[in-house]
């Protein structure tokens, strides 16, 4: 991450930069919390879907979830977390 490396060398290891990194990591942690909650709801839906289909028959459309799509989604979530951290660092760097 170029921005992180540039600011790390600019600020050194001073207290301001440590606070900026801490606040940015809290933003990323909240992002992962939201992603984990969404994934848990989705997993619950995948597990509960056969029961719902047994009760309500073929009212709901059927869909297949492949391993490739799950891995691609996890990779996208990780890549998006890097972008979230970048913008959080820039935001806190300008506003502190």
Protein backbone atom coordinates (compact mmCIF):
# COMPACT_ATOMS: atom_id res chain seq x y z
CA UNK A 1 0.00 0.00 0.00
CA UNK A 2 1.84 3.07 -1.24
CA UNK A 3 -0.03 5.67 0.78
CA UNK A 4 0.54 3.75 4.01
CA UNK A 5 4.25 3.32 3.29
CA UNK A 6 4.71 6.99 2.32
CA UNK A 7 2.97 8.28 5.42
CA UNK A 8 4.81 5.79 7.62
CA UNK A 9 8.14 7.18 6.43
CA UNK A 10 6.87 10.80 6.60
CA UNK A 11 5.52 10.60 10.14
CA UNK A 12 7.93 8.01 11.47
CA UNK A 13 6.35 6.35 14.44
CA UNK A 14 4.93 9.41 16.16
CA UNK A 15 1.83 9.49 18.30
CA UNK A 16 -0.38 11.16 15.69
CA UNK A 17 0.30 8.46 13.10
CA UNK A 18 -0.37 5.73 15.67
CA UNK A 19 -3.78 7.28 16.45
CA UNK A 20 -4.60 7.58 12.74
CA UNK A 21 -3.73 3.90 12.19
CA UNK A 22 -5.79 2.89 15.22
CA UNK A 23 -8.85 4.80 14.04
CA UNK A 24 -8.50 3.40 10.50
CA UNK A 25 -8.19 -0.14 11.85
CA UNK A 26 -11.39 0.40 13.86
CA UNK A 27 -13.17 1.37 10.64
CA UNK A 28 -11.89 -1.79 8.94
CA UNK A 29 -12.94 -3.88 11.95
CA UNK A 30 -16.47 -2.45 11.72
CA UNK A 31 -16.46 -3.24 7.98
CA UNK A 32 -15.53 -6.86 8.73
CA UNK A 33 -18.21 -7.02 11.44
CA UNK A 34 -20.84 -5.98 8.90
CA UNK A 35 -19.50 -8.50 6.38
CA UNK A 36 -19.52 -11.29 8.96
CA UNK A 37 -23.08 -10.48 10.00
CA UNK A 38 -24.18 -10.51 6.36
CA UNK A 39 -22.37 -13.81 5.77
CA UNK A 40 -23.99 -15.35 8.86
CA UNK A 41 -27.44 -14.34 7.66
CA UNK A 42 -26.67 -15.74 4.20
CA UNK A 43 -25.37 -19.00 5.70
CA UNK A 44 -28.46 -19.28 7.84
CA UNK A 45 -30.58 -18.83 4.72
CA UNK A 46 -28.61 -21.55 2.89
CA UNK A 47 -29.08 -23.93 5.81
CA UNK A 48 -32.75 -23.10 6.33
CA UNK A 49 -33.66 -23.13 2.64
CA UNK A 50 -34.29 -26.90 2.36
CA UNK A 51 -36.70 -26.71 5.30
CA UNK A 52 -38.50 -23.75 3.75
CA UNK A 53 -38.69 -25.56 0.40
CA UNK A 54 -40.13 -28.65 2.11
CA UNK A 55 -42.78 -26.56 3.85
CA UNK A 56 -43.74 -24.25 1.01
CA UNK A 57 -42.96 -26.50 -1.95
CA UNK A 58 -41.64 -24.95 -5.16
CA UNK A 59 -42.81 -21.40 -4.46
CA UNK A 60 -39.26 -20.12 -4.05
CA UNK A 61 -36.85 -20.18 -7.01
CA UNK A 62 -34.00 -22.64 -6.74
CA UNK A 63 -30.41 -21.50 -7.04
CA UNK A 64 -27.05 -23.16 -6.80
CA UNK A 65 -24.14 -21.70 -4.88
CA UNK A 66 -20.80 -22.84 -6.21
CA UNK A 67 -17.52 -22.86 -4.35
CA UNK A 68 -16.02 -20.57 -6.98
CA UNK A 69 -18.62 -17.89 -6.34
CA UNK A 70 -18.06 -18.13 -2.57
CA UNK A 71 -14.28 -17.79 -2.98
CA UNK A 72 -14.74 -14.89 -5.43
CA UNK A 73 -17.04 -13.15 -2.95
CA UNK A 74 -14.51 -13.57 -0.12
CA UNK A 75 -11.73 -12.23 -2.35
CA UNK A 76 -13.91 -9.23 -3.24
CA UNK A 77 -14.63 -8.56 0.44
CA UNK A 78 -10.89 -8.61 1.19
CA UNK A 79 -10.03 -6.30 -1.71
CA UNK A 80 -12.76 -3.93 -0.64
CA UNK A 81 -11.35 -3.89 2.90
CA UNK A 82 -8.03 -2.60 1.55
CA UNK A 83 -9.89 0.24 -0.17
CA UNK A 84 -11.85 0.98 3.02
CA UNK A 85 -8.61 1.14 5.00
CA UNK A 86 -7.02 3.46 2.41
CA UNK A 87 -9.88 5.94 2.54
CA UNK A 88 -10.06 5.74 6.34
CA UNK A 89 -6.34 6.55 6.58
CA UNK A 90 -6.74 9.51 4.22
CA UNK A 91 -9.81 10.77 6.06
CA UNK A 92 -8.23 10.64 9.51
CA UNK A 93 -4.95 12.03 8.18
CA UNK A 94 -6.73 15.15 6.89
CA UNK A 95 -9.10 15.59 9.81
CA UNK A 96 -6.72 15.17 12.72
